[in-house]
Amino acid sequence: MPQTSLLPDIAGLERQELESLLREREIEAYRARQLFRWVFKRGVTDFAEMTDLSKSLRARLPELFRVSRPAVVGREHSADGTAKLLLELDDHRRVESVFIPDSPGQTFCISTQVGCAMRCAFCLTGKMGLARHLAAGEIVGQVRVLAEEIGLLDARFNIVLMGMGEPLHNYDETMKALRILGDQDGLAVSPRRVTISTVGLVPALERLAQEPYMPNLAVSLHATTEAQRDLLVPLNKKYNIAEVIEACRRFPIKRRSRITFEYVMLAGVNDSREDAKRLVSLLNGIRSKVNLIPLNEAAGIPFSRPTDERVDEFAQILADRHLTVSVRKSRGRDIRAACGQLIVEETEKSAGQKLAAAMPT
C-alpha cells in the first residue's frame, strides 16, 4: 500500500486535473464528475460509500487517491449566532474559520495562510508573521467542513476570504481553490458570492483583473495619506495608496458591482473629518462602497476604538458626498470572532509556535 499522505488529494484537485490522473490510471475520465459530487456535494470521504461506482473501482481508489478533510478540534458559538471552528491540518497547524449567519446571507469567513506576512499595525495575525501558505485543498477544506457542520451542503452561501492571511500573497493556491469551489459538479459557488480581501498587492491585483473566475474585490485601505498608511500597513512602502487606487481604477467591475474599500477606524489616527473628505477625493470616479470598521480593541494592539458619534459623523460626510457607505456590525465579539480579535495558539506538537488570526466579520 502506498503512503497515504503522498497520494493525490481529490479535495485539492481541479476536475480537469482529476480527469487527467484518472486517464493515466486507465480509469474513465467521467468518473471525476462522480467523485466531485460525492466529495463536495455530499461530504463523503470514504470511497467505499460512493455507491454509484463499481465495487472493483471502490476497492482500487484508496490505492490511488486520498480525500483530505481538516479536523474540527474546537467549536465556539456566539450569542448572536456566529460560530467559530478551530481546524487542524495534516501537519497539525491550525486555522480558524467563522460562520456568520444572516449577514445578509449565510457567510463563511475563510483563511488562506497560517499567519500573515503583511504586519498591519492593528492586526494580531500580523504580529505573528507567516508560518506557511495554505494549499488549495486546505482552503477548500474549510468551506467543506463549514458547509457540512452547519448543514449547508445543498444551500447557497457566501464566502469571504478575510480570515488569517493575505489571499493575494498566496495567489495561485487561492485562485485554484476558488475554481474548485466554483465547479458545477462540486459546490458550484458563483463568483458573485465570493469576496477576496487584499491590502493591495498591485501585481496580484493586475493578475486578478484577468481571471475568468472573477470574485468580488475588497481593498483594505485604512488610511487617506501615505504617511498614515506607512504606519498602519507596511506594504504601503512598496505599493502606495496612489498605486493601489490606480490599480482599482483599472480593475474590471461587473455590472451592478462595486469595489469595497475597507477602512478600520482608529481613534485619533484616521477618523477625522479631514480623513473623511480625503477619502471622498481618493475614491472619486470609482464605483465603490466604503465599509467602515470601528476597531475591536484587543490586548497588544496600540489603538483605541472611536466613539459611535465620531463613526457616525465620518459616515455622514461620505454619504453626503454620494459615496455608498456602511458601518460593519461586529459579530461574535463574545467568542473573540470579531475583526482583529482571534488568536490561535499552536501546541508543542504543532512545532511550538503561536499563531494569531484576525478575521474581519
Protein backbone atom coordinates (compact mmCIF):
# COMPACT_ATOMS: atom_id res chain seq x y z
CA MET A 1 0.00 0.00 0.00
CA PRO A 2 1.37 3.49 -0.85
CA GLN A 3 1.88 6.04 1.92
CA THR A 4 -1.47 7.81 2.10
CA SER A 5 -0.05 11.34 2.52
CA LEU A 6 1.81 11.00 -0.81
CA LEU A 7 -1.30 10.16 -2.83
CA PRO A 8 -3.01 12.87 -4.93
CA ASP A 9 -5.67 14.62 -2.84
CA ILE A 10 -9.00 14.80 -4.66
CA ALA A 11 -10.04 17.63 -2.34
CA GLY A 12 -7.28 19.82 -3.79
CA LEU A 13 -7.58 18.96 -7.48
CA GLU A 14 -9.45 20.77 -10.19
CA ARG A 15 -11.78 18.43 -12.05
CA GLN A 16 -9.67 18.59 -15.21
CA GLU A 17 -6.60 17.56 -13.18
CA LEU A 18 -8.52 14.65 -11.71
CA GLU A 19 -9.73 13.60 -15.16
CA SER A 20 -6.13 13.55 -16.40
CA LEU A 21 -4.94 11.47 -13.42
CA LEU A 22 -7.79 9.01 -13.92
CA ARG A 23 -6.88 8.54 -17.58
CA GLU A 24 -3.26 7.89 -16.61
CA ARG A 25 -4.54 5.10 -14.34
CA GLU A 26 -6.79 3.72 -17.08
CA ILE A 27 -10.00 4.84 -15.38
CA GLU A 28 -12.77 6.59 -17.33
CA ALA A 29 -12.44 10.40 -17.09
CA TYR A 30 -16.17 10.83 -16.45
CA ARG A 31 -15.63 9.29 -13.02
CA ALA A 32 -14.17 12.65 -11.99
CA ARG A 33 -17.66 14.16 -12.03
CA GLN A 34 -18.97 11.37 -9.83
CA LEU A 35 -16.09 11.76 -7.38
CA PHE A 36 -16.59 15.55 -7.23
CA ARG A 37 -20.26 15.09 -6.42
CA TRP A 38 -19.51 12.66 -3.61
CA VAL A 39 -16.72 14.75 -2.06
CA PHE A 40 -18.14 18.26 -2.46
CA LYS A 41 -21.92 17.92 -2.73
CA ARG A 42 -22.35 15.10 -0.20
CA GLY A 43 -19.29 15.46 2.02
CA VAL A 44 -18.25 11.81 1.59
CA THR A 45 -14.55 11.00 2.05
CA ASP A 46 -14.71 7.18 2.18
CA PHE A 47 -14.53 5.64 -1.30
CA ALA A 48 -16.41 2.59 -0.02
CA GLU A 49 -19.52 4.74 0.45
CA MET A 50 -19.54 6.03 -3.15
CA THR A 51 -22.21 3.61 -4.25
CA ASP A 52 -22.60 4.63 -7.90
CA LEU A 53 -19.03 3.41 -8.51
CA SER A 54 -18.37 -0.28 -9.16
CA LYS A 55 -17.15 -2.38 -6.23
CA SER A 56 -13.87 -3.05 -8.03
CA LEU A 57 -13.24 0.68 -8.56
CA ARG A 58 -14.15 1.48 -4.95
CA ALA A 59 -11.64 -1.10 -3.82
CA ARG A 60 -8.93 0.32 -6.09
CA LEU A 61 -9.34 4.04 -5.43
CA PRO A 62 -7.76 4.08 -1.91
CA GLU A 63 -4.52 2.87 -3.50
CA LEU A 64 -4.54 5.77 -5.97
CA PHE A 65 -6.05 8.80 -4.21
CA ARG A 66 -6.93 10.29 -0.85
CA VAL A 67 -9.55 12.81 0.27
CA SER A 68 -8.30 15.20 2.96
CA ARG A 69 -10.54 16.98 5.45
CA PRO A 70 -9.40 19.41 8.16
CA ALA A 71 -10.19 18.05 11.62
CA VAL A 72 -12.53 20.09 13.82
CA VAL A 73 -10.72 20.42 17.17
CA GLY A 74 -12.73 23.26 18.65
CA ARG A 75 -16.13 24.95 18.34
CA GLU A 76 -17.49 28.13 19.87
CA HIS A 77 -20.89 29.72 19.41
CA SER A 78 -21.74 33.37 19.94
CA ALA A 79 -24.94 34.74 21.40
CA ASP A 80 -25.54 36.43 18.02
CA GLY A 81 -25.41 33.12 16.13
CA THR A 82 -21.82 33.37 14.88
CA ALA A 83 -19.94 30.06 15.01
CA LYS A 84 -16.15 29.70 15.12
CA LEU A 85 -14.37 26.46 14.25
CA LEU A 86 -10.78 25.63 15.11
CA LEU A 87 -9.44 23.35 12.37
CA GLU A 88 -6.30 21.24 12.44
CA LEU A 89 -4.46 20.46 9.20
CA ASP A 90 -2.43 17.37 8.31
CA ASP A 91 0.79 18.88 9.70
CA HIS A 92 -1.00 19.86 12.96
CA ARG A 93 -1.03 23.55 12.10
CA ARG A 94 -4.31 25.18 13.00
CA VAL A 95 -6.53 27.83 11.43
CA GLU A 96 -9.89 29.28 12.41
CA SER A 97 -12.91 29.65 10.18
CA VAL A 98 -16.10 31.54 11.01
CA PHE A 99 -19.74 31.12 10.02
CA ILE A 100 -21.72 34.38 10.09
CA PRO A 101 -25.48 33.86 9.73
CA ASP A 102 -27.88 36.46 8.37
CA SER A 103 -25.17 38.75 7.05
CA PRO A 104 -27.48 39.23 5.00
CA GLY A 105 -26.85 35.76 3.56
CA GLN A 106 -25.09 32.83 5.14
CA THR A 107 -21.37 33.70 5.06
CA PHE A 108 -18.20 31.69 5.61
CA CYS A 109 -15.04 33.60 6.55
CA ILE A 110 -12.02 31.60 5.37
CA SER A 111 -8.25 31.73 5.91
CA THR A 112 -5.66 31.41 3.14
CA GLN A 113 -2.46 31.26 5.24
CA VAL A 114 -1.26 30.17 8.65
CA GLY A 115 -0.27 33.59 9.95
CA CYS A 116 0.36 36.61 7.73
CA ALA A 117 3.37 38.49 6.38
CA MET A 118 1.66 41.86 5.94
CA ARG A 119 2.17 43.02 9.58
CA CYS A 120 -0.68 45.54 9.66
CA ALA A 121 -0.35 47.51 12.90
CA PHE A 122 -3.90 46.85 14.17
CA CYS A 123 -3.94 43.11 13.34
CA LEU A 124 -2.94 40.38 15.78
CA THR A 125 -2.10 37.97 12.96
CA GLY A 126 0.35 40.48 11.55
CA LYS A 127 2.33 40.41 14.78
CA MET A 128 2.89 36.67 14.41
CA GLY A 129 4.38 36.60 10.92
CA LEU A 130 3.78 33.97 8.25
CA ALA A 131 4.12 30.27 9.13
CA ARG A 132 3.11 28.96 5.71
CA HIS A 133 0.67 29.26 2.84
CA LEU A 134 -2.35 27.00 2.73
CA ALA A 135 -2.73 24.59 -0.18
CA ALA A 136 -5.84 24.85 -2.34
CA GLY A 137 -7.28 21.72 -0.72
CA GLU A 138 -6.86 23.26 2.74
CA ILE A 139 -8.67 26.43 1.67
CA VAL A 140 -11.45 24.43 0.05
CA GLY A 141 -11.46 22.12 3.08
CA GLN A 142 -12.55 24.95 5.38
CA VAL A 143 -15.58 25.57 3.18
CA ARG A 144 -16.44 21.86 3.03
CA VAL A 145 -16.21 21.49 6.79
CA LEU A 146 -18.30 24.59 7.50
CA ALA A 147 -20.93 23.54 4.94
CA GLU A 148 -21.11 20.07 6.48
CA GLU A 149 -21.12 21.28 10.09
CA ILE A 150 -23.74 23.98 9.50
CA GLY A 151 -25.84 21.82 7.16
CA LEU A 152 -25.43 23.96 4.04
CA LEU A 153 -24.02 21.47 1.50
CA ASP A 154 -27.19 21.82 -0.57
CA ALA A 155 -27.76 25.52 0.14
CA ARG A 156 -26.36 28.78 -1.18
CA PHE A 157 -23.83 30.63 0.93
CA ASN A 158 -21.30 33.41 0.57
CA ILE A 159 -17.54 33.14 1.06
CA VAL A 160 -15.26 35.97 2.20
CA LEU A 161 -11.52 35.39 2.13
CA MET A 162 -10.93 37.70 5.07
CA GLY A 163 -9.54 35.31 7.65
CA MET A 164 -5.96 34.60 8.53
CA GLY A 165 -3.52 35.72 5.83
CA GLU A 166 -3.41 37.84 2.68
CA PRO A 167 -5.18 35.90 -0.12
CA LEU A 168 -3.26 37.53 -2.98
CA HIS A 169 0.06 36.71 -1.30
CA ASN A 170 -0.97 33.08 -1.79
CA TYR A 171 -2.31 33.82 -5.23
CA ASP A 172 -2.03 30.53 -7.14
CA GLU A 173 -3.43 28.29 -4.41
CA THR A 174 -6.19 30.78 -3.57
CA MET A 175 -7.39 31.02 -7.16
CA LYS A 176 -7.14 27.27 -7.64
CA ALA A 177 -9.32 26.83 -4.55
CA LEU A 178 -11.92 29.23 -5.97
CA ARG A 179 -12.01 27.36 -9.27
CA ILE A 180 -12.58 24.08 -7.39
CA LEU A 181 -15.33 25.69 -5.32
CA GLY A 182 -16.95 27.06 -8.47
CA ASP A 183 -17.07 23.73 -10.31
CA GLN A 184 -20.65 22.88 -11.22
CA ASP A 185 -20.15 19.25 -10.18
CA GLY A 186 -18.90 20.41 -6.78
CA LEU A 187 -20.22 23.14 -4.53
CA ALA A 188 -20.91 25.37 -7.56
CA VAL A 189 -20.16 28.61 -5.70
CA SER A 190 -20.76 31.51 -8.08
CA PRO A 191 -18.01 34.17 -8.14
CA ARG A 192 -20.76 36.67 -7.31
CA ARG A 193 -20.90 35.02 -3.88
CA VAL A 194 -17.16 35.23 -3.23
CA THR A 195 -15.19 38.25 -1.98
CA ILE A 196 -11.40 38.47 -1.85
CA SER A 197 -9.98 41.00 0.60
CA THR A 198 -6.49 42.38 -0.01
CA VAL A 199 -4.27 45.11 1.39
CA GLY A 200 -3.24 45.91 -2.18
CA LEU A 201 -0.56 43.75 -3.77
CA VAL A 202 -0.63 45.64 -7.05
CA PRO A 203 0.90 42.97 -9.36
CA ALA A 204 -1.52 40.38 -7.96
CA LEU A 205 -4.44 42.79 -8.43
CA GLU A 206 -3.45 43.11 -12.07
CA ARG A 207 -3.39 39.31 -12.41
CA LEU A 208 -6.78 39.06 -10.73
CA ALA A 209 -8.21 41.51 -13.25
CA GLN A 210 -7.55 38.91 -16.00
CA GLU A 211 -9.14 35.92 -14.24
CA PRO A 212 -12.07 34.06 -15.84
CA TYR A 213 -13.38 33.32 -12.32
CA MET A 214 -13.81 36.88 -11.11
CA PRO A 215 -14.73 37.25 -7.42
CA ASN A 216 -15.83 40.47 -5.77
CA LEU A 217 -12.97 42.67 -4.60
CA ALA A 218 -12.49 44.32 -1.22
CA VAL A 219 -9.44 46.52 -0.71
CA SER A 220 -8.21 47.18 2.82
CA LEU A 221 -7.32 50.87 2.61
CA HIS A 222 -7.41 52.07 6.25
CA ALA A 223 -5.77 55.46 5.58
CA THR A 224 -6.03 58.58 3.43
CA THR A 225 -2.40 59.76 3.41
CA GLU A 226 0.80 57.94 2.55
CA ALA A 227 2.27 58.71 5.99
CA GLN A 228 -0.76 57.23 7.75
CA ARG A 229 -0.74 54.10 5.64
CA ASP A 230 3.01 53.64 6.01
CA LEU A 231 2.34 53.41 9.76
CA LEU A 232 -0.68 51.13 9.57
CA VAL A 233 0.06 48.95 6.51
CA PRO A 234 3.82 48.42 5.98
CA LEU A 235 3.19 47.12 2.43
CA ASN A 236 2.33 50.73 1.56
CA LYS A 237 6.06 51.44 1.35
CA LYS A 238 6.18 49.10 -1.65
CA TYR A 239 2.73 49.70 -3.17
CA ASN A 240 1.47 53.07 -2.01
CA ILE A 241 -2.06 54.45 -1.92
CA ALA A 242 -1.71 56.12 -5.29
CA GLU A 243 -0.65 52.85 -6.96
CA VAL A 244 -3.38 50.83 -5.25
CA ILE A 245 -6.09 53.34 -6.21
CA GLU A 246 -4.86 53.43 -9.80
CA ALA A 247 -4.95 49.61 -9.96
CA CYS A 248 -8.53 49.79 -8.69
CA ARG A 249 -9.46 52.30 -11.39
CA ARG A 250 -8.24 49.82 -14.00
CA PHE A 251 -9.96 46.84 -12.38
CA PRO A 252 -12.91 45.47 -14.41
CA ILE A 253 -16.10 45.87 -12.39
CA LYS A 254 -19.12 43.78 -13.26
CA ARG A 255 -22.44 45.40 -13.98
CA ARG A 256 -24.15 46.49 -10.76
CA SER A 257 -20.97 45.66 -8.80
CA ARG A 258 -18.63 47.88 -6.79
CA ILE A 259 -15.19 47.63 -5.25
CA THR A 260 -15.48 47.63 -1.49
CA PHE A 261 -12.92 49.72 0.38
CA GLU A 262 -12.45 48.53 3.94
CA TYR A 263 -11.48 51.15 6.47
CA VAL A 264 -10.67 50.17 10.07
CA MET A 265 -11.30 53.28 12.17
CA LEU A 266 -8.75 54.11 14.86
CA ALA A 267 -9.43 56.87 17.37
CA GLY A 268 -7.26 59.93 16.77
CA VAL A 269 -5.38 58.26 13.92
CA ASN A 270 -7.57 58.08 10.80
CA ASP A 271 -11.04 59.14 11.95
CA SER A 272 -11.06 62.92 11.47
CA ARG A 273 -13.37 64.98 9.30
CA GLU A 274 -10.35 65.74 7.10
CA ASP A 275 -9.75 62.00 6.65
CA ALA A 276 -13.35 61.54 5.56
CA LYS A 277 -13.05 64.33 3.00
CA ARG A 278 -9.73 62.95 1.68
CA LEU A 279 -11.32 59.52 1.34
CA VAL A 280 -14.09 61.02 -0.80
CA SER A 281 -11.44 62.58 -3.07
CA LEU A 282 -9.41 59.38 -3.32
CA LEU A 283 -12.40 57.32 -4.46
CA ASN A 284 -13.78 59.91 -6.86
CA GLY A 285 -14.76 58.21 -10.11
CA ILE A 286 -14.51 54.64 -8.79
CA ARG A 287 -17.72 52.62 -8.49
CA SER A 288 -17.19 51.86 -4.85
CA LYS A 289 -18.62 51.13 -1.44
CA VAL A 290 -16.89 52.05 1.83
CA ASN A 291 -17.11 49.60 4.71
CA LEU A 292 -16.22 51.38 7.94
CA ILE A 293 -14.96 49.01 10.66
CA PRO A 294 -14.64 50.53 14.13
CA LEU A 295 -11.65 48.86 15.77
CA ASN A 296 -12.34 45.90 18.01
CA GLU A 297 -9.83 46.58 20.75
CA ALA A 298 -7.52 43.76 21.81
CA ALA A 299 -4.51 43.33 24.08
CA GLY A 300 -1.34 44.04 22.13
CA ILE A 301 -3.00 46.45 19.71
CA PRO A 302 -1.88 50.04 20.48
CA PHE A 303 -5.02 51.77 19.20
CA SER A 304 -8.49 52.61 20.51
CA ARG A 305 -11.98 52.40 19.08
CA PRO A 306 -13.56 55.73 18.05
CA THR A 307 -16.78 56.84 19.68
CA ASP A 308 -20.02 55.96 17.95
CA GLU A 309 -20.59 59.69 17.40
CA ARG A 310 -17.27 60.00 15.55
CA VAL A 311 -18.03 56.95 13.41
CA ASP A 312 -21.48 58.31 12.54
CA GLU A 313 -20.06 61.73 11.67
CA PHE A 314 -17.40 60.14 9.41
CA ALA A 315 -20.04 58.02 7.68
CA GLN A 316 -22.34 61.01 7.19
CA ILE A 317 -19.61 63.02 5.46
CA LEU A 318 -19.15 60.17 2.97
CA ALA A 319 -22.89 59.75 2.44
CA ASP A 320 -23.42 63.49 1.95
CA ARG A 321 -20.90 63.35 -0.88
CA HIS A 322 -22.76 60.47 -2.53
CA LEU A 323 -20.50 57.59 -1.51
CA THR A 324 -22.19 54.33 -0.58
CA VAL A 325 -21.15 53.62 2.99
CA SER A 326 -21.90 51.03 5.66
CA VAL A 327 -20.67 50.57 9.21
CA ARG A 328 -19.78 46.97 9.94
CA LYS A 329 -21.54 45.47 12.89
CA SER A 330 -19.07 43.30 14.78
CA ARG A 331 -20.25 39.71 15.08
CA GLY A 332 -19.04 37.12 17.55
CA ARG A 333 -17.26 39.52 19.90
CA ASP A 334 -18.17 37.37 22.90
CA ILE A 335 -16.23 34.43 21.43
CA ARG A 336 -13.39 36.59 20.05
CA ALA A 337 -14.55 36.07 16.49
CA ALA A 338 -14.85 39.74 15.54
CA CYS A 339 -12.40 41.74 13.45
CA GLY A 340 -8.89 41.57 14.88
CA GLN A 341 -9.80 39.52 17.95
CA LEU A 342 -8.89 35.93 17.11
CA ILE A 343 -5.71 34.34 18.39
CA VAL A 344 -4.84 30.72 17.59
CA GLU A 345 -2.13 29.15 19.71
CA GLU A 346 -0.48 26.02 18.40
CA THR A 347 0.51 23.18 20.70
CA GLU A 348 4.06 21.91 21.18
CA LYS A 349 3.06 19.07 18.89
CA SER A 350 2.49 21.76 16.27
CA ALA A 351 6.10 22.99 16.33
CA GLY A 352 5.54 25.06 19.47
CA GLN A 353 4.64 28.18 17.53
CA LYS A 354 1.93 30.69 18.45
CA LEU A 355 -0.17 31.93 15.56
CA ALA A 356 -2.94 34.51 15.50
CA ALA A 357 -5.94 35.06 13.25
CA ALA A 358 -7.59 38.44 12.66
CA MET A 359 -10.90 37.73 10.95
CA PRO A 360 -12.99 40.65 9.77
CA THR A 361 -16.63 39.85 10.23
